[in-house]
Amino acid sequence: MPATVETRPVRPKAAAGPLRRLACAGLVALAASGCLSRNPLTSNPLTTGSIDASAPQSTARRDVGRLAERYARDPSDIGTAMAYAQALRATDQGPQAAAVLQQAAFRNPKNPAVLSAYGKSLAEVGRFTEAAEVLRNAHSPANPDWRVLSAQGAVADQMGDHAQAQRYYEAALKIVPGEPAVLSNLGLSYALAKRLPEAEATLRQASVDPRADGRVRQNLALVLGLQGRFGEAEQVLTRDLGPAEAAQNVAALRAFVSQPNAWKAIRSSEKAGGARGAGRPVHPQVAASAL
C-alpha cells in the first residue's frame, strides 16, 4: 500500500519558532560562529545536469555563465532550466533560481520533477506558503515521493505546524524506513515542539546509520546542547569538525542556551520566517542575460 498523508493547507502559526533555522544558523543568533548544519530543506538537493548545489563556487560560477547562455537560447528546455536553477542555487542566487523554475513550472505544470524543484526553491528563499502549495501538487497519494514529503514537512515546520510536519515525515519513512535524512528532519521537528527526548532518540537513530552525514550528527549535537549536555554535544561534533571548531560551536551554543529568552528568540525567528512566506506570488520574467 502506498504511503499517504493528509495534505490540507498548512497555515502559519503565530507562536512557533525554528530550531530548524538554528540548525543552519547555529541557534539563530550564532551565525558568526559558523553553521552547525545546512538547512534540512536542502539536505537532499535535486541534482540535475552537471552541477550539484554543493559544487565548488568556482565551478558553479563557470556553469552559471555557460548555462545562462543555453537557457537564453531555449528557455523552454526543461533540462537546461533545471541545471541552470541548480547552478544559481550553488552560487547563492536563490531568488533567481526560483524565478527560473517558476517559468519552467508555468511551461510544465504537470511535471513532478519541475514542481518539486520549484517548491523546494521557494522554501529556500522563505516563500513558505507558496512552497507548500507547489509541493502539494508535485506528487500524488497514489505515487508519493518521499523527498517531496520530507520537503513538505520542512515547510510545515517553518510555518509552525509541527504536528503536520511530523505526519509528512512519518509518511516519508513508510516509503524509505530508516532514511537518516528524514529521521534528522523528524528529530528537529520534535525539538521545535520542545519534545527534546524524542528529538534526541530520533537523531541518535539517524546518526548511527552508515548513510548519515555530518549534518545529521550536528543536528544531534544541537539537541544535546539544548538539553544542557554540552560535553556530549562536543564529542558528537568532533567526529566531523576539528577540536577547535567543535569547541567554538559548543561555546556559542552554550552562550545562546544560557540566555533567559532563548526559546523566545527561537519563536520570534520562526514567526519572521512564516511572515516572509505569506506574501502573494510574484511572476517575474527571467532573462538569463540579466542575471
Protein backbone atom coordinates (compact mmCIF):
# COMPACT_ATOMS: atom_id res chain seq x y z
CA MET A 1 0.00 0.00 0.00
CA PRO A 2 1.43 3.42 -0.86
CA ALA A 3 2.14 5.80 1.97
CA THR A 4 -0.42 8.55 2.24
CA VAL A 5 -0.60 11.71 4.25
CA GLU A 6 -3.24 14.32 4.80
CA THR A 7 -2.41 17.25 2.56
CA ARG A 8 -4.53 20.00 3.99
CA PRO A 9 -3.10 23.50 3.50
CA VAL A 10 -0.52 24.49 6.10
CA ARG A 11 -1.08 27.90 7.60
CA PRO A 12 1.46 29.82 9.64
CA LYS A 13 1.02 29.79 13.40
CA ALA A 14 1.91 32.92 15.28
CA ALA A 15 3.85 31.34 18.14
CA ALA A 16 6.19 28.85 16.55
CA GLY A 17 9.90 29.07 16.12
CA PRO A 18 12.52 27.12 14.23
CA LEU A 19 15.23 25.13 15.68
CA ARG A 20 15.24 24.23 12.03
CA ARG A 21 16.66 27.67 11.33
CA LEU A 22 19.02 27.13 14.24
CA ALA A 23 20.39 24.06 12.57
CA CYS A 24 21.57 26.29 9.74
CA ALA A 25 22.45 29.46 11.62
CA GLY A 26 23.89 27.85 14.74
CA LEU A 27 20.98 28.68 17.04
CA VAL A 28 19.60 31.76 15.32
CA ALA A 29 21.91 34.36 16.83
CA LEU A 30 25.05 32.27 16.42
CA ALA A 31 25.69 32.75 12.72
CA ALA A 32 29.03 34.35 13.49
CA SER A 33 30.28 31.11 14.99
CA GLY A 34 29.67 29.06 11.86
CA CYS A 35 26.83 26.93 10.59
CA LEU A 36 26.08 23.83 12.62
CA SER A 37 24.16 22.31 9.75
CA ARG A 38 22.79 23.02 6.35
CA ASN A 39 19.12 23.78 6.15
CA PRO A 40 17.20 20.47 6.03
CA LEU A 41 15.15 21.88 3.23
CA THR A 42 18.22 21.43 1.09
CA SER A 43 19.68 18.31 2.66
CA ASN A 44 18.66 16.29 -0.39
CA PRO A 45 19.11 18.83 -3.19
CA LEU A 46 17.73 17.93 -6.57
CA THR A 47 20.74 17.37 -8.77
CA THR A 48 20.28 17.94 -12.48
CA GLY A 49 22.75 18.36 -15.24
CA SER A 50 26.39 18.52 -14.29
CA ILE A 51 26.21 20.60 -11.18
CA ASP A 52 25.23 20.00 -7.57
CA ALA A 53 24.33 22.71 -5.07
CA SER A 54 27.43 21.69 -3.10
CA ALA A 55 29.77 22.21 -6.06
CA PRO A 56 32.80 24.47 -5.52
CA GLN A 57 31.97 28.13 -6.05
CA SER A 58 34.49 28.48 -8.90
CA THR A 59 32.97 25.54 -10.78
CA ALA A 60 29.45 26.76 -10.11
CA ARG A 61 30.22 30.25 -11.39
CA ARG A 62 31.57 28.84 -14.64
CA ASP A 63 28.48 26.69 -15.02
CA VAL A 64 26.18 29.66 -14.37
CA GLY A 65 27.60 31.52 -17.34
CA ARG A 66 27.52 28.51 -19.62
CA LEU A 67 24.00 27.52 -18.61
CA ALA A 68 22.75 31.10 -18.79
CA GLU A 69 23.70 31.17 -22.47
CA ARG A 70 21.98 27.85 -23.11
CA TYR A 71 18.90 28.98 -21.21
CA ALA A 72 18.74 32.25 -23.14
CA ARG A 73 18.79 30.31 -26.41
CA ASP A 74 15.99 27.95 -25.36
CA PRO A 75 14.25 28.72 -22.05
CA SER A 76 11.68 26.00 -22.77
CA ASP A 77 14.25 23.19 -22.44
CA ILE A 78 13.48 21.52 -19.10
CA GLY A 79 16.93 20.02 -18.59
CA THR A 80 18.66 23.33 -19.18
CA ALA A 81 16.26 25.22 -16.91
CA MET A 82 16.72 22.69 -14.09
CA ALA A 83 20.51 22.69 -14.44
CA TYR A 84 20.62 26.49 -14.62
CA ALA A 85 18.50 26.82 -11.49
CA GLN A 86 20.77 24.36 -9.69
CA ALA A 87 23.81 26.40 -10.69
CA LEU A 88 22.15 29.57 -9.43
CA ARG A 89 21.40 27.89 -6.10
CA ALA A 90 25.02 26.76 -5.84
CA THR A 91 26.14 30.39 -6.18
CA ASP A 92 23.69 31.69 -3.58
CA GLN A 93 21.29 33.16 -6.13
CA GLY A 94 18.19 31.55 -4.68
CA PRO A 95 15.62 34.13 -5.83
CA GLN A 96 16.89 33.89 -9.41
CA ALA A 97 16.77 30.09 -9.23
CA ALA A 98 13.18 30.24 -8.02
CA ALA A 99 12.29 32.58 -10.87
CA VAL A 100 13.82 30.24 -13.47
CA LEU A 101 11.94 27.29 -12.01
CA GLN A 102 8.75 29.32 -11.88
CA GLN A 103 8.92 29.77 -15.63
CA ALA A 104 9.66 26.06 -16.05
CA ALA A 105 6.63 25.24 -13.91
CA PHE A 106 4.42 27.54 -15.99
CA ARG A 107 5.50 25.65 -19.09
CA ASN A 108 5.32 22.20 -17.46
CA PRO A 109 2.53 22.38 -14.84
CA LYS A 110 2.20 18.59 -14.60
CA ASN A 111 5.89 17.71 -14.39
CA PRO A 112 6.59 16.35 -10.87
CA ALA A 113 10.35 16.93 -11.04
CA VAL A 114 9.90 20.56 -12.06
CA LEU A 115 7.26 21.20 -9.40
CA SER A 116 9.38 19.52 -6.74
CA ALA A 117 12.41 21.63 -7.61
CA TYR A 118 10.31 24.79 -7.77
CA GLY A 119 8.66 24.12 -4.42
CA LYS A 120 11.99 23.49 -2.74
CA SER A 121 13.46 26.64 -4.27
CA LEU A 122 10.55 28.69 -2.93
CA ALA A 123 11.12 27.25 0.52
CA GLU A 124 14.82 28.10 0.35
CA VAL A 125 14.02 31.78 -0.16
CA GLY A 126 11.41 31.87 2.59
CA ARG A 127 8.25 31.80 0.45
CA PHE A 128 6.74 29.02 2.53
CA THR A 129 3.05 29.45 1.76
CA GLU A 130 3.74 29.24 -1.97
CA ALA A 131 6.16 26.36 -1.44
CA ALA A 132 3.53 24.36 0.43
CA GLU A 133 1.05 24.80 -2.42
CA VAL A 134 3.53 23.86 -5.14
CA LEU A 135 4.88 20.83 -3.28
CA ARG A 136 1.34 19.61 -2.69
CA ASN A 137 1.00 19.31 -6.48
CA ALA A 138 4.43 17.75 -7.03
CA HIS A 139 3.23 14.22 -6.30
CA SER A 140 0.04 12.29 -5.56
CA PRO A 141 -1.19 9.97 -2.79
CA ALA A 142 -1.14 7.16 -5.35
CA ASN A 143 2.50 7.80 -6.22
CA PRO A 144 4.13 9.66 -3.32
CA ASP A 145 7.72 10.88 -3.42
CA TRP A 146 9.48 10.63 -0.08
CA ARG A 147 11.75 13.56 -0.88
CA VAL A 148 8.76 15.77 -1.57
CA LEU A 149 7.07 14.56 1.62
CA SER A 150 10.20 15.45 3.58
CA ALA A 151 10.31 18.88 1.95
CA GLN A 152 6.62 19.38 2.80
CA GLY A 153 7.44 18.53 6.38
CA ALA A 154 10.26 21.05 6.49
CA VAL A 155 7.96 23.75 5.11
CA ALA A 156 5.26 22.89 7.65
CA ASP A 157 7.85 23.15 10.43
CA GLN A 158 8.92 26.58 9.19
CA MET A 159 5.27 27.64 9.25
CA GLY A 160 4.85 26.40 12.81
CA ASP A 161 2.65 23.34 12.19
CA HIS A 162 4.92 20.73 13.75
CA ALA A 163 2.23 18.08 14.12
CA GLN A 164 1.52 18.25 10.39
CA ALA A 165 5.24 18.25 9.64
CA GLN A 166 5.69 15.07 11.64
CA ARG A 167 2.89 13.41 9.69
CA TYR A 168 4.72 14.20 6.48
CA TYR A 169 7.98 12.76 7.81
CA GLU A 170 6.24 9.64 9.07
CA ALA A 171 4.66 9.14 5.65
CA ALA A 172 8.08 9.51 4.03
CA LEU A 173 9.52 6.93 6.43
CA LYS A 174 6.88 4.43 5.33
CA ILE A 175 8.44 4.64 1.87
CA VAL A 176 12.09 4.70 3.00
CA PRO A 177 12.24 3.21 6.52
CA GLY A 178 15.21 4.45 8.49
CA GLU A 179 16.29 7.06 5.93
CA PRO A 180 18.64 9.26 8.01
CA ALA A 181 17.80 12.50 6.18
CA VAL A 182 14.11 12.11 7.01
CA LEU A 183 14.81 10.97 10.57
CA SER A 184 17.02 14.03 11.01
CA ASN A 185 14.19 16.32 9.91
CA LEU A 186 11.77 14.47 12.18
CA GLY A 187 14.15 14.84 15.11
CA LEU A 188 14.43 18.58 14.54
CA SER A 189 10.65 18.79 14.28
CA TYR A 190 10.35 17.17 17.70
CA ALA A 191 12.85 19.70 19.00
CA LEU A 192 10.82 22.54 17.55
CA ALA A 193 7.88 21.20 19.51
CA LYS A 194 10.09 21.07 22.65
CA ARG A 195 9.93 17.27 22.67
CA LEU A 196 13.66 17.04 23.26
CA PRO A 197 13.93 13.41 24.49
CA GLU A 198 12.10 12.22 21.37
CA ALA A 199 14.26 14.50 19.26
CA GLU A 200 17.41 13.02 20.73
CA ALA A 201 16.25 9.42 20.30
CA THR A 202 15.30 10.04 16.67
CA LEU A 203 18.56 11.80 15.85
CA ARG A 204 20.59 9.08 17.54
CA GLN A 205 18.82 6.52 15.37
CA ALA A 206 19.66 8.59 12.30
CA SER A 207 23.27 9.22 13.30
CA VAL A 208 24.25 5.55 13.58
CA ASP A 209 23.10 4.80 10.05
CA PRO A 210 26.10 4.41 7.71
CA ARG A 211 24.35 6.71 5.23
CA ALA A 212 24.20 9.59 7.72
CA ASP A 213 26.50 12.51 7.06
CA GLY A 214 27.89 15.15 9.37
CA ARG A 215 24.75 17.26 9.20
CA VAL A 216 22.77 14.56 10.99
CA ARG A 217 25.35 14.39 13.78
CA GLN A 218 25.45 18.17 14.00
CA ASN A 219 21.69 18.21 14.49
CA LEU A 220 22.10 15.66 17.28
CA ALA A 221 24.71 17.90 18.89
CA LEU A 222 22.29 20.81 18.64
CA VAL A 223 19.59 18.90 20.51
CA LEU A 224 22.07 17.70 23.14
CA GLY A 225 23.14 21.29 23.69
CA LEU A 226 19.55 22.40 24.10
CA GLN A 227 19.33 19.92 26.95
CA GLY A 228 22.46 21.36 28.55
CA ARG A 229 24.63 18.36 27.69
CA PHE A 230 27.44 20.30 26.12
CA GLY A 231 30.17 17.74 26.71
CA GLU A 232 28.24 15.14 24.76
CA ALA A 233 27.47 17.69 22.06
CA GLU A 234 31.15 18.45 21.65
CA GLN A 235 32.01 14.76 21.41
CA VAL A 236 29.48 14.34 18.63
CA LEU A 237 30.76 17.39 16.75
CA THR A 238 34.39 16.26 16.86
CA ARG A 239 33.52 13.35 14.60
CA ASP A 240 33.22 15.79 11.71
CA LEU A 241 34.87 19.02 12.87
CA GLY A 242 38.29 19.76 14.26
CA PRO A 243 38.54 20.06 18.05
CA ALA A 244 38.87 23.83 17.95
CA GLU A 245 35.90 24.30 15.63
CA ALA A 246 33.78 21.88 17.65
CA ALA A 247 34.65 23.72 20.85
CA GLN A 248 33.82 27.06 19.24
CA ASN A 249 30.40 25.83 18.12
CA VAL A 250 29.63 24.40 21.54
CA ALA A 251 30.72 27.60 23.27
CA ALA A 252 28.36 29.59 21.07
CA LEU A 253 25.59 27.09 21.67
CA ARG A 254 26.16 27.26 25.42
CA ALA A 255 26.02 31.05 25.37
CA PHE A 256 22.77 31.02 23.46
CA VAL A 257 21.07 28.41 25.62
CA SER A 258 22.10 30.24 28.80
CA GLN A 259 20.04 33.28 27.79
CA PRO A 260 16.75 33.52 29.68
CA ASN A 261 14.92 34.41 26.46
CA ALA A 262 16.48 31.71 24.25
CA TRP A 263 13.21 29.99 23.33
CA LYS A 264 11.56 33.36 22.79
CA ALA A 265 14.27 34.20 20.26
CA ILE A 266 13.67 30.89 18.50
CA ARG A 267 9.94 31.54 18.32
CA SER A 268 10.49 35.07 17.03
CA SER A 269 12.79 33.79 14.31
CA GLU A 270 10.24 31.23 13.16
CA LYS A 271 7.46 33.81 13.19
CA ALA A 272 9.57 36.03 10.95
CA GLY A 273 10.19 33.13 8.59
CA GLY A 274 6.50 32.38 8.31
CA ALA A 275 5.69 36.01 7.64
CA ARG A 276 8.17 36.10 4.76
CA GLY A 277 6.42 33.13 3.21
CA ALA A 278 2.96 34.65 3.44
CA GLY A 279 3.20 37.10 0.56
CA ARG A 280 1.42 36.74 -2.74
CA PRO A 281 3.23 35.01 -5.62
CA VAL A 282 5.29 37.10 -7.94
CA HIS A 283 5.70 36.29 -11.60
CA PRO A 284 8.99 37.74 -12.81
CA GLN A 285 10.07 37.25 -16.38
CA VAL A 286 13.53 35.74 -16.22
CA ALA A 287 16.08 36.96 -18.72
CA ALA A 288 19.24 34.91 -18.42
CA SER A 289 21.34 37.73 -19.79
CA ALA A 290 20.27 39.94 -16.89
CA LEU A 291 21.49 37.55 -14.18
